[in-house]
N, C-alpha and C. Protein backbone atom coordinates (compact mmCIF):
# COMPACT_ATOMS: atom_id res chain seq x y z
N MET A 1 2.27 20.29 -3.33
CA MET A 1 3.11 20.64 -2.17
C MET A 1 3.61 19.36 -1.50
N ASN A 2 4.92 19.30 -1.25
CA ASN A 2 5.53 18.18 -0.56
C ASN A 2 5.71 18.52 0.91
N LEU A 3 5.28 17.64 1.80
CA LEU A 3 5.48 17.82 3.23
C LEU A 3 6.42 16.73 3.72
N PRO A 4 7.67 17.08 4.06
CA PRO A 4 8.62 16.06 4.51
C PRO A 4 8.15 15.40 5.81
N ILE A 5 8.33 14.10 5.89
CA ILE A 5 8.05 13.33 7.10
C ILE A 5 9.35 13.06 7.84
N THR A 6 10.31 12.56 7.11
CA THR A 6 11.66 12.35 7.60
C THR A 6 12.54 12.24 6.36
N GLU A 7 13.83 12.11 6.52
CA GLU A 7 14.69 12.01 5.35
C GLU A 7 14.28 10.81 4.51
N GLY A 8 13.93 11.06 3.25
CA GLY A 8 13.53 10.00 2.34
C GLY A 8 12.04 9.74 2.28
N ALA A 9 11.25 10.38 3.15
CA ALA A 9 9.80 10.14 3.20
C ALA A 9 9.05 11.45 3.06
N VAL A 10 8.00 11.46 2.22
CA VAL A 10 7.28 12.68 1.89
C VAL A 10 5.78 12.40 1.85
N LEU A 11 5.00 13.35 2.36
CA LEU A 11 3.55 13.32 2.21
C LEU A 11 3.17 14.28 1.09
N LEU A 12 2.35 13.80 0.16
CA LEU A 12 1.84 14.62 -0.94
C LEU A 12 0.33 14.80 -0.72
N PRO A 13 -0.09 15.85 -0.01
CA PRO A 13 -1.51 16.01 0.32
C PRO A 13 -2.37 16.15 -0.93
N GLY A 14 -3.42 15.36 -1.01
CA GLY A 14 -4.39 15.47 -2.09
C GLY A 14 -3.88 15.12 -3.48
N PHE A 15 -2.70 14.52 -3.58
CA PHE A 15 -2.09 14.32 -4.89
C PHE A 15 -2.95 13.44 -5.80
N ALA A 16 -3.65 12.46 -5.22
CA ALA A 16 -4.45 11.52 -6.02
C ALA A 16 -5.92 11.88 -6.09
N ALA A 17 -6.32 12.98 -5.47
CA ALA A 17 -7.75 13.29 -5.36
C ALA A 17 -8.41 13.44 -6.73
N ALA A 18 -7.74 14.12 -7.64
CA ALA A 18 -8.35 14.36 -8.96
C ALA A 18 -8.54 13.07 -9.74
N MET A 19 -7.74 12.04 -9.44
CA MET A 19 -7.84 10.76 -10.13
C MET A 19 -8.65 9.75 -9.34
N GLY A 20 -9.23 10.18 -8.22
CA GLY A 20 -9.87 9.24 -7.31
C GLY A 20 -10.93 8.37 -7.96
N ALA A 21 -11.80 8.98 -8.78
CA ALA A 21 -12.88 8.22 -9.42
C ALA A 21 -12.32 7.17 -10.38
N ASP A 22 -11.30 7.56 -11.17
CA ASP A 22 -10.70 6.61 -12.10
C ASP A 22 -10.01 5.47 -11.35
N VAL A 23 -9.32 5.81 -10.27
CA VAL A 23 -8.62 4.78 -9.50
C VAL A 23 -9.62 3.82 -8.87
N MET A 24 -10.71 4.34 -8.31
CA MET A 24 -11.71 3.47 -7.71
C MET A 24 -12.38 2.58 -8.75
N ALA A 25 -12.59 3.10 -9.95
CA ALA A 25 -13.11 2.26 -11.03
C ALA A 25 -12.12 1.14 -11.35
N GLY A 26 -10.83 1.47 -11.30
CA GLY A 26 -9.81 0.45 -11.51
C GLY A 26 -9.81 -0.60 -10.41
N VAL A 27 -10.02 -0.16 -9.18
CA VAL A 27 -10.11 -1.12 -8.06
C VAL A 27 -11.26 -2.09 -8.29
N GLN A 28 -12.41 -1.57 -8.71
CA GLN A 28 -13.56 -2.44 -8.95
C GLN A 28 -13.26 -3.45 -10.06
N ALA A 29 -12.54 -3.03 -11.09
CA ALA A 29 -12.17 -3.95 -12.17
C ALA A 29 -11.25 -5.04 -11.66
N VAL A 30 -10.33 -4.69 -10.78
CA VAL A 30 -9.41 -5.68 -10.24
C VAL A 30 -10.14 -6.70 -9.38
N ILE A 31 -11.00 -6.22 -8.46
CA ILE A 31 -11.62 -7.15 -7.52
C ILE A 31 -12.70 -8.02 -8.17
N GLN A 32 -13.14 -7.66 -9.38
CA GLN A 32 -14.03 -8.57 -10.10
C GLN A 32 -13.29 -9.84 -10.49
N GLN A 33 -11.97 -9.73 -10.71
CA GLN A 33 -11.17 -10.89 -11.09
C GLN A 33 -10.47 -11.52 -9.88
N ALA A 34 -10.12 -10.70 -8.89
CA ALA A 34 -9.40 -11.18 -7.70
C ALA A 34 -10.06 -10.54 -6.49
N PRO A 35 -11.16 -11.11 -6.00
CA PRO A 35 -11.93 -10.47 -4.92
C PRO A 35 -11.10 -10.27 -3.65
N PHE A 36 -11.54 -9.27 -2.86
CA PHE A 36 -10.91 -9.05 -1.57
C PHE A 36 -11.02 -10.31 -0.72
N ARG A 37 -9.97 -10.54 0.07
CA ARG A 37 -9.97 -11.65 1.01
C ARG A 37 -9.15 -11.27 2.24
N HIS A 38 -9.44 -11.93 3.37
CA HIS A 38 -8.67 -11.72 4.60
C HIS A 38 -7.61 -12.81 4.68
N MET A 39 -6.38 -12.43 4.43
CA MET A 39 -5.30 -13.41 4.43
C MET A 39 -4.93 -13.83 5.85
N THR A 40 -4.33 -14.99 5.96
CA THR A 40 -3.90 -15.54 7.24
C THR A 40 -2.42 -15.31 7.42
N VAL A 41 -2.02 -14.84 8.58
CA VAL A 41 -0.60 -14.65 8.88
C VAL A 41 0.00 -15.97 9.33
N PRO A 42 1.33 -16.10 9.31
CA PRO A 42 1.95 -17.38 9.70
C PRO A 42 1.53 -17.88 11.08
N GLY A 43 1.18 -16.96 12.00
CA GLY A 43 0.76 -17.38 13.33
C GLY A 43 -0.63 -18.01 13.37
N GLY A 44 -1.40 -17.84 12.26
CA GLY A 44 -2.68 -18.51 12.17
C GLY A 44 -3.90 -17.62 12.17
N HIS A 45 -3.81 -16.37 12.63
CA HIS A 45 -5.02 -15.55 12.67
C HIS A 45 -5.19 -14.78 11.36
N LYS A 46 -6.44 -14.42 11.08
CA LYS A 46 -6.74 -13.68 9.86
C LYS A 46 -6.53 -12.19 10.06
N MET A 47 -6.04 -11.54 9.05
CA MET A 47 -5.82 -10.10 9.11
C MET A 47 -7.16 -9.38 9.08
N SER A 48 -7.25 -8.24 9.78
CA SER A 48 -8.49 -7.48 9.81
C SER A 48 -8.72 -6.72 8.51
N VAL A 49 -7.67 -6.53 7.74
CA VAL A 49 -7.75 -5.80 6.47
C VAL A 49 -7.99 -6.79 5.34
N ALA A 50 -8.94 -6.49 4.46
CA ALA A 50 -9.17 -7.31 3.28
C ALA A 50 -8.24 -6.85 2.17
N MET A 51 -7.73 -7.81 1.37
CA MET A 51 -6.68 -7.49 0.41
C MET A 51 -6.95 -8.11 -0.96
N SER A 52 -6.39 -7.45 -1.97
CA SER A 52 -6.27 -8.01 -3.31
C SER A 52 -4.99 -7.45 -3.92
N ASN A 53 -4.68 -7.88 -5.13
CA ASN A 53 -3.45 -7.45 -5.80
C ASN A 53 -3.68 -7.32 -7.29
N CYS A 54 -2.82 -6.53 -7.92
CA CYS A 54 -2.72 -6.53 -9.38
C CYS A 54 -1.28 -6.24 -9.76
N GLY A 55 -0.94 -6.58 -10.99
CA GLY A 55 0.43 -6.40 -11.44
C GLY A 55 1.10 -7.73 -11.70
N ARG A 56 2.39 -7.70 -11.95
CA ARG A 56 3.14 -8.92 -12.27
C ARG A 56 3.25 -9.86 -11.08
N ALA A 57 3.16 -9.30 -9.87
CA ALA A 57 3.27 -10.12 -8.67
C ALA A 57 2.30 -9.59 -7.63
N GLY A 58 1.83 -10.47 -6.77
CA GLY A 58 0.94 -10.07 -5.69
C GLY A 58 1.51 -10.52 -4.36
N TRP A 59 1.32 -9.66 -3.34
CA TRP A 59 1.79 -10.01 -2.00
C TRP A 59 0.78 -10.94 -1.35
N VAL A 60 1.26 -12.06 -0.80
CA VAL A 60 0.38 -13.02 -0.15
C VAL A 60 0.97 -13.43 1.19
N SER A 61 0.07 -13.85 2.07
CA SER A 61 0.45 -14.32 3.40
C SER A 61 -0.38 -15.55 3.73
N ASP A 62 0.29 -16.58 4.26
CA ASP A 62 -0.41 -17.78 4.70
C ASP A 62 0.47 -18.49 5.73
N GLY A 63 0.16 -19.73 6.02
CA GLY A 63 0.93 -20.45 7.01
C GLY A 63 2.39 -20.66 6.64
N ASN A 64 2.71 -20.48 5.36
CA ASN A 64 4.10 -20.64 4.91
C ASN A 64 4.90 -19.35 4.97
N GLY A 65 4.26 -18.25 5.33
CA GLY A 65 4.99 -17.00 5.45
C GLY A 65 4.49 -15.94 4.49
N TYR A 66 5.30 -14.88 4.35
CA TYR A 66 4.98 -13.74 3.49
C TYR A 66 5.83 -13.83 2.23
N ARG A 67 5.23 -13.49 1.09
CA ARG A 67 5.98 -13.60 -0.16
C ARG A 67 5.21 -12.93 -1.29
N TYR A 68 5.86 -12.78 -2.43
CA TYR A 68 5.21 -12.37 -3.66
C TYR A 68 5.01 -13.59 -4.54
N ASP A 69 3.86 -13.62 -5.21
CA ASP A 69 3.53 -14.74 -6.09
C ASP A 69 2.92 -14.18 -7.37
N ALA A 70 3.29 -14.74 -8.50
CA ALA A 70 2.74 -14.28 -9.78
C ALA A 70 1.29 -14.70 -9.96
N ARG A 71 0.81 -15.65 -9.14
CA ARG A 71 -0.55 -16.16 -9.29
C ARG A 71 -1.34 -15.99 -8.00
N ASP A 72 -2.62 -15.77 -8.17
CA ASP A 72 -3.54 -15.69 -7.05
C ASP A 72 -3.70 -17.10 -6.47
N PRO A 73 -3.31 -17.33 -5.22
CA PRO A 73 -3.40 -18.68 -4.67
C PRO A 73 -4.83 -19.21 -4.57
N GLU A 74 -5.83 -18.33 -4.60
CA GLU A 74 -7.22 -18.78 -4.49
C GLU A 74 -7.77 -19.27 -5.82
N THR A 75 -7.23 -18.76 -6.93
CA THR A 75 -7.76 -19.14 -8.24
C THR A 75 -6.73 -19.86 -9.11
N GLY A 76 -5.45 -19.71 -8.79
CA GLY A 76 -4.40 -20.28 -9.63
C GLY A 76 -4.12 -19.47 -10.88
N ARG A 77 -4.84 -18.38 -11.06
CA ARG A 77 -4.65 -17.54 -12.25
C ARG A 77 -3.70 -16.39 -11.95
N PRO A 78 -3.07 -15.83 -12.97
CA PRO A 78 -2.25 -14.63 -12.74
C PRO A 78 -3.10 -13.51 -12.15
N TRP A 79 -2.48 -12.67 -11.35
CA TRP A 79 -3.19 -11.50 -10.83
C TRP A 79 -3.62 -10.61 -12.00
N PRO A 80 -4.68 -9.85 -11.85
CA PRO A 80 -5.08 -8.93 -12.92
C PRO A 80 -3.94 -7.96 -13.25
N PRO A 81 -3.86 -7.51 -14.49
CA PRO A 81 -2.82 -6.53 -14.84
C PRO A 81 -3.06 -5.22 -14.10
N MET A 82 -1.98 -4.50 -13.90
CA MET A 82 -2.09 -3.20 -13.24
C MET A 82 -2.82 -2.22 -14.16
N GLN A 83 -3.79 -1.53 -13.62
CA GLN A 83 -4.53 -0.55 -14.39
C GLN A 83 -3.59 0.57 -14.84
N PRO A 84 -3.73 1.06 -16.07
CA PRO A 84 -2.84 2.13 -16.55
C PRO A 84 -2.86 3.36 -15.64
N CYS A 85 -4.03 3.74 -15.11
CA CYS A 85 -4.07 4.92 -14.25
C CYS A 85 -3.33 4.68 -12.93
N PHE A 86 -3.29 3.42 -12.47
CA PHE A 86 -2.51 3.09 -11.27
C PHE A 86 -1.04 3.36 -11.52
N PHE A 87 -0.56 2.82 -12.65
CA PHE A 87 0.86 2.94 -12.98
C PHE A 87 1.26 4.40 -13.12
N ASP A 88 0.44 5.17 -13.82
CA ASP A 88 0.75 6.59 -14.02
C ASP A 88 0.76 7.34 -12.69
N LEU A 89 -0.20 7.06 -11.84
CA LEU A 89 -0.27 7.73 -10.55
C LEU A 89 0.95 7.42 -9.71
N ALA A 90 1.35 6.16 -9.66
CA ALA A 90 2.50 5.76 -8.85
C ALA A 90 3.78 6.40 -9.35
N ARG A 91 3.98 6.38 -10.66
CA ARG A 91 5.19 6.98 -11.24
C ARG A 91 5.24 8.48 -10.99
N ASP A 92 4.10 9.16 -11.20
CA ASP A 92 4.06 10.61 -11.02
C ASP A 92 4.31 11.00 -9.56
N ALA A 93 3.71 10.25 -8.63
CA ALA A 93 3.90 10.55 -7.21
C ALA A 93 5.36 10.32 -6.81
N ALA A 94 5.94 9.23 -7.27
CA ALA A 94 7.34 8.96 -6.94
C ALA A 94 8.25 10.06 -7.47
N ALA A 95 7.99 10.49 -8.71
CA ALA A 95 8.81 11.55 -9.30
C ALA A 95 8.67 12.85 -8.51
N ARG A 96 7.44 13.18 -8.11
CA ARG A 96 7.22 14.40 -7.33
C ARG A 96 7.97 14.34 -6.00
N ALA A 97 8.10 13.13 -5.45
CA ALA A 97 8.77 12.97 -4.16
C ALA A 97 10.29 12.85 -4.29
N GLY A 98 10.79 12.87 -5.52
CA GLY A 98 12.24 12.82 -5.71
C GLY A 98 12.78 11.46 -6.10
N TYR A 99 11.88 10.58 -6.57
CA TYR A 99 12.30 9.25 -7.00
C TYR A 99 11.89 9.04 -8.46
N PRO A 100 12.66 9.58 -9.40
CA PRO A 100 12.30 9.44 -10.82
C PRO A 100 12.49 8.01 -11.31
N ASP A 101 11.80 7.69 -12.39
CA ASP A 101 11.95 6.39 -13.06
C ASP A 101 11.48 5.21 -12.21
N PHE A 102 10.56 5.43 -11.30
CA PHE A 102 9.97 4.33 -10.54
C PHE A 102 9.08 3.50 -11.47
N THR A 103 9.29 2.20 -11.50
CA THR A 103 8.51 1.30 -12.36
C THR A 103 7.90 0.20 -11.50
N PRO A 104 6.76 0.46 -10.87
CA PRO A 104 6.16 -0.56 -10.01
C PRO A 104 5.68 -1.77 -10.80
N ASP A 105 5.85 -2.94 -10.22
CA ASP A 105 5.32 -4.15 -10.84
C ASP A 105 4.30 -4.85 -9.95
N ALA A 106 4.02 -4.28 -8.78
CA ALA A 106 3.07 -4.87 -7.85
C ALA A 106 2.25 -3.78 -7.19
N CYS A 107 0.96 -4.01 -7.07
CA CYS A 107 0.05 -3.10 -6.36
C CYS A 107 -0.80 -3.91 -5.41
N LEU A 108 -0.59 -3.71 -4.12
CA LEU A 108 -1.40 -4.33 -3.08
C LEU A 108 -2.55 -3.38 -2.77
N ILE A 109 -3.78 -3.88 -2.84
CA ILE A 109 -4.97 -3.07 -2.56
C ILE A 109 -5.55 -3.54 -1.24
N ASN A 110 -5.59 -2.64 -0.26
CA ASN A 110 -6.15 -2.95 1.06
C ASN A 110 -7.49 -2.25 1.22
N CYS A 111 -8.43 -2.95 1.83
CA CYS A 111 -9.75 -2.40 2.12
C CYS A 111 -9.96 -2.43 3.63
N TYR A 112 -10.10 -1.26 4.23
CA TYR A 112 -10.27 -1.12 5.67
C TYR A 112 -11.72 -0.80 6.00
N ALA A 113 -12.35 -1.64 6.81
CA ALA A 113 -13.65 -1.32 7.39
C ALA A 113 -13.42 -0.81 8.80
N GLN A 114 -14.47 -0.36 9.45
CA GLN A 114 -14.32 0.17 10.81
C GLN A 114 -13.67 -0.88 11.72
N GLY A 115 -12.65 -0.45 12.46
CA GLY A 115 -11.94 -1.33 13.37
C GLY A 115 -10.73 -2.02 12.77
N ALA A 116 -10.62 -2.04 11.44
CA ALA A 116 -9.46 -2.67 10.80
C ALA A 116 -8.21 -1.85 11.07
N ARG A 117 -7.08 -2.53 11.13
CA ARG A 117 -5.81 -1.87 11.41
C ARG A 117 -4.69 -2.62 10.71
N MET A 118 -3.53 -1.98 10.67
CA MET A 118 -2.33 -2.62 10.16
C MET A 118 -1.22 -2.36 11.17
N SER A 119 -0.74 -3.41 11.79
CA SER A 119 0.29 -3.23 12.81
C SER A 119 1.60 -2.77 12.18
N LEU A 120 2.46 -2.19 13.00
CA LEU A 120 3.74 -1.69 12.50
C LEU A 120 4.56 -2.83 11.89
N HIS A 121 5.08 -2.57 10.71
CA HIS A 121 5.84 -3.59 9.99
C HIS A 121 6.78 -2.90 9.01
N GLN A 122 7.72 -3.66 8.49
CA GLN A 122 8.60 -3.20 7.42
C GLN A 122 8.19 -3.88 6.12
N ASP A 123 8.35 -3.19 5.00
CA ASP A 123 8.18 -3.82 3.69
C ASP A 123 9.54 -4.36 3.27
N ARG A 124 9.74 -5.67 3.47
CA ARG A 124 11.05 -6.24 3.18
C ARG A 124 10.96 -7.56 2.43
N ASP A 125 9.82 -7.80 1.76
CA ASP A 125 9.69 -9.01 0.95
C ASP A 125 10.08 -8.77 -0.50
N GLU A 126 10.46 -7.55 -0.83
CA GLU A 126 10.86 -7.21 -2.20
C GLU A 126 12.31 -7.62 -2.43
N GLN A 127 12.67 -7.80 -3.69
CA GLN A 127 14.03 -8.23 -4.02
C GLN A 127 15.02 -7.08 -4.02
N ASP A 128 14.52 -5.86 -4.21
CA ASP A 128 15.40 -4.70 -4.37
C ASP A 128 14.86 -3.56 -3.53
N PHE A 129 15.65 -3.08 -2.58
CA PHE A 129 15.20 -2.01 -1.69
C PHE A 129 15.56 -0.62 -2.20
N THR A 130 16.10 -0.53 -3.42
CA THR A 130 16.47 0.79 -3.93
C THR A 130 15.26 1.56 -4.45
N ALA A 131 14.18 0.86 -4.80
CA ALA A 131 12.96 1.53 -5.28
C ALA A 131 12.12 1.96 -4.08
N PRO A 132 11.40 3.07 -4.21
CA PRO A 132 10.57 3.55 -3.09
C PRO A 132 9.27 2.78 -2.97
N ILE A 133 8.53 3.08 -1.92
CA ILE A 133 7.16 2.64 -1.72
C ILE A 133 6.25 3.83 -1.98
N VAL A 134 5.17 3.62 -2.72
CA VAL A 134 4.18 4.67 -2.95
C VAL A 134 2.84 4.18 -2.41
N SER A 135 2.26 4.92 -1.48
CA SER A 135 1.04 4.52 -0.79
C SER A 135 -0.05 5.56 -1.00
N VAL A 136 -1.17 5.16 -1.60
CA VAL A 136 -2.26 6.05 -1.97
C VAL A 136 -3.47 5.77 -1.08
N SER A 137 -4.03 6.81 -0.47
CA SER A 137 -5.19 6.68 0.40
C SER A 137 -6.44 7.22 -0.29
N LEU A 138 -7.52 6.44 -0.26
CA LEU A 138 -8.80 6.85 -0.82
C LEU A 138 -9.91 6.51 0.17
N GLY A 139 -10.93 7.33 0.22
CA GLY A 139 -12.06 7.06 1.10
C GLY A 139 -11.87 7.68 2.47
N ALA A 140 -12.26 6.94 3.51
CA ALA A 140 -12.24 7.46 4.87
C ALA A 140 -10.84 7.86 5.31
N ALA A 141 -10.76 8.84 6.18
CA ALA A 141 -9.48 9.27 6.74
C ALA A 141 -8.94 8.20 7.68
N ALA A 142 -7.63 8.19 7.87
CA ALA A 142 -6.98 7.22 8.76
C ALA A 142 -5.74 7.85 9.35
N ILE A 143 -5.26 7.27 10.44
CA ILE A 143 -4.01 7.70 11.07
C ILE A 143 -2.90 6.76 10.63
N PHE A 144 -1.95 7.33 9.89
CA PHE A 144 -0.79 6.59 9.41
C PHE A 144 0.31 6.68 10.47
N LEU A 145 0.85 5.53 10.83
CA LEU A 145 1.91 5.45 11.83
C LEU A 145 3.23 5.26 11.11
N PHE A 146 4.19 6.15 11.36
CA PHE A 146 5.48 6.06 10.67
C PHE A 146 6.59 6.12 11.71
N GLY A 147 7.31 5.02 11.85
CA GLY A 147 8.35 4.92 12.86
C GLY A 147 9.75 4.94 12.27
N GLY A 148 10.68 4.38 13.01
CA GLY A 148 12.07 4.36 12.59
C GLY A 148 12.45 3.04 11.96
N LEU A 149 13.74 2.79 11.89
CA LEU A 149 14.25 1.59 11.24
C LEU A 149 14.31 0.40 12.18
N LYS A 150 14.01 0.63 13.46
CA LYS A 150 13.99 -0.46 14.43
C LYS A 150 12.63 -0.50 15.10
N ARG A 151 12.21 -1.70 15.49
CA ARG A 151 10.94 -1.85 16.18
C ARG A 151 11.01 -1.18 17.55
N GLY A 152 9.92 -0.60 17.97
CA GLY A 152 9.90 0.09 19.26
C GLY A 152 9.93 1.59 19.07
N GLY A 153 9.74 2.30 20.15
CA GLY A 153 9.67 3.75 20.07
C GLY A 153 8.27 4.18 19.68
N LYS A 154 8.05 5.46 19.70
CA LYS A 154 6.74 6.02 19.40
C LYS A 154 6.72 6.53 17.97
N PRO A 155 5.89 5.93 17.09
CA PRO A 155 5.86 6.40 15.70
C PRO A 155 5.15 7.74 15.58
N ARG A 156 5.45 8.45 14.52
CA ARG A 156 4.69 9.66 14.19
C ARG A 156 3.29 9.27 13.78
N ARG A 157 2.33 10.09 14.12
CA ARG A 157 0.93 9.87 13.76
C ARG A 157 0.54 10.94 12.73
N ILE A 158 0.19 10.50 11.53
CA ILE A 158 -0.09 11.41 10.43
C ILE A 158 -1.49 11.12 9.90
N ARG A 159 -2.35 12.11 9.96
CA ARG A 159 -3.71 11.91 9.46
C ARG A 159 -3.69 11.96 7.93
N LEU A 160 -4.22 10.91 7.32
CA LEU A 160 -4.30 10.84 5.87
C LEU A 160 -5.75 10.99 5.43
N GLU A 161 -5.97 11.90 4.51
CA GLU A 161 -7.29 12.16 3.96
C GLU A 161 -7.40 11.54 2.56
N HIS A 162 -8.60 11.54 2.03
CA HIS A 162 -8.85 11.03 0.69
C HIS A 162 -7.92 11.73 -0.32
N GLY A 163 -7.20 10.94 -1.10
CA GLY A 163 -6.32 11.48 -2.12
C GLY A 163 -4.90 11.73 -1.68
N ASP A 164 -4.61 11.59 -0.39
CA ASP A 164 -3.23 11.79 0.07
C ASP A 164 -2.33 10.63 -0.37
N VAL A 165 -1.08 10.94 -0.65
CA VAL A 165 -0.10 9.94 -1.06
C VAL A 165 1.14 10.09 -0.19
N VAL A 166 1.66 8.97 0.29
CA VAL A 166 2.92 8.96 1.03
C VAL A 166 3.93 8.17 0.21
N VAL A 167 5.12 8.72 0.08
CA VAL A 167 6.21 8.06 -0.65
C VAL A 167 7.41 7.99 0.28
N TRP A 168 8.00 6.79 0.40
CA TRP A 168 9.22 6.70 1.19
C TRP A 168 10.19 5.72 0.54
N GLY A 169 11.48 6.08 0.65
CA GLY A 169 12.54 5.28 0.06
C GLY A 169 13.87 5.74 0.62
N GLY A 170 14.96 5.36 -0.05
CA GLY A 170 16.28 5.77 0.42
C GLY A 170 16.50 5.40 1.87
N PRO A 171 16.92 6.36 2.72
CA PRO A 171 17.20 6.05 4.11
C PRO A 171 15.96 5.66 4.91
N ALA A 172 14.77 5.94 4.37
CA ALA A 172 13.52 5.59 5.07
C ALA A 172 12.87 4.33 4.50
N ARG A 173 13.50 3.69 3.54
CA ARG A 173 12.86 2.58 2.82
C ARG A 173 12.37 1.46 3.75
N LEU A 174 13.11 1.17 4.80
CA LEU A 174 12.75 0.07 5.71
C LEU A 174 12.15 0.58 7.02
N ALA A 175 11.58 1.77 6.99
CA ALA A 175 10.94 2.30 8.19
C ALA A 175 9.72 1.46 8.55
N TYR A 176 9.51 1.29 9.85
CA TYR A 176 8.29 0.63 10.32
C TYR A 176 7.11 1.58 10.12
N HIS A 177 5.99 1.01 9.69
CA HIS A 177 4.81 1.82 9.42
C HIS A 177 3.55 0.98 9.59
N GLY A 178 2.42 1.64 9.74
CA GLY A 178 1.17 0.92 9.91
C GLY A 178 0.00 1.89 9.90
N ILE A 179 -1.19 1.37 10.21
CA ILE A 179 -2.41 2.16 10.26
C ILE A 179 -3.10 1.89 11.58
N ALA A 180 -3.43 2.96 12.32
CA ALA A 180 -4.18 2.81 13.56
C ALA A 180 -5.58 2.31 13.25
N PRO A 181 -6.26 1.67 14.21
CA PRO A 181 -7.61 1.16 13.96
C PRO A 181 -8.52 2.23 13.39
N LEU A 182 -9.22 1.89 12.32
CA LEU A 182 -10.09 2.85 11.66
C LEU A 182 -11.29 3.15 12.55
N ARG A 183 -11.50 4.42 12.84
CA ARG A 183 -12.55 4.83 13.77
C ARG A 183 -13.88 5.08 13.09
N GLN A 184 -13.83 5.54 11.84
CA GLN A 184 -15.06 5.91 11.16
C GLN A 184 -15.74 4.68 10.56
N GLY A 185 -17.05 4.83 10.29
CA GLY A 185 -17.78 3.73 9.71
C GLY A 185 -17.58 3.58 8.21
N ASP A 186 -17.03 4.62 7.57
CA ASP A 186 -16.83 4.56 6.13
C ASP A 186 -15.65 3.66 5.79
N THR A 187 -15.57 3.26 4.53
CA THR A 187 -14.51 2.37 4.06
C THR A 187 -13.31 3.18 3.59
N ARG A 188 -12.13 2.67 3.86
CA ARG A 188 -10.89 3.26 3.37
C ARG A 188 -10.21 2.26 2.45
N TYR A 189 -9.67 2.75 1.34
CA TYR A 189 -8.88 1.93 0.44
C TYR A 189 -7.46 2.47 0.40
N ASN A 190 -6.52 1.57 0.34
CA ASN A 190 -5.12 1.94 0.25
C ASN A 190 -4.47 1.12 -0.86
N LEU A 191 -3.80 1.80 -1.76
CA LEU A 191 -3.06 1.14 -2.83
C LEU A 191 -1.58 1.36 -2.56
N THR A 192 -0.84 0.27 -2.42
CA THR A 192 0.59 0.35 -2.15
C THR A 192 1.35 -0.21 -3.35
N PHE A 193 2.16 0.65 -3.94
CA PHE A 193 2.91 0.28 -5.14
C PHE A 193 4.36 -0.02 -4.77
N ARG A 194 4.86 -1.13 -5.31
CA ARG A 194 6.23 -1.54 -5.01
C ARG A 194 6.89 -2.10 -6.27
N LYS A 195 8.22 -2.06 -6.27
CA LYS A 195 9.01 -2.82 -7.26
C LYS A 195 9.40 -4.10 -6.54
N ALA A 196 8.65 -5.17 -6.81
CA ALA A 196 8.79 -6.41 -6.03
C ALA A 196 9.80 -7.37 -6.63
N LEU A 197 9.88 -7.42 -7.95
CA LEU A 197 10.70 -8.45 -8.62
C LEU A 197 11.99 -7.87 -9.18
């Protein structure tokens, strides 16, 4: 079942639940090669969310800004390859949401502990904005904030449960979005798939 959020954005409740164990096994395989870390934003403070990446490119943040890099800056090695089940899940979710032929080349894996949050932001470090964003939630529930194309205003608050997937593209591709501070003590994982290169 597709639940529209706004034009171009769709919630797919429970879409990833059946694959949850396989996806989490894939996450563990990735972080054995590229462990979670708290990246530093250009302003100097560390993000509350721990991150890793897999795929052809990984999203990184440091004093030089935000960007995609083919190599893990902590090890100098290429990011781990994207797990096959990740790729299949992202493509299937995008197709269900009305975006066929999505070919992600980057997967950002976020790990949220209690109190971690993601402030409202746009995904605009990619080279091509015609591909959608696919965001998969696993573990603890969280409140997803989905706003408009300009900063400010009151974003929609959408509760995401284990296995929920949000897909947005087209007119919603540059919508501001984020995660409210995690209230529960359990861990939440989020996999965000993008066409970065």
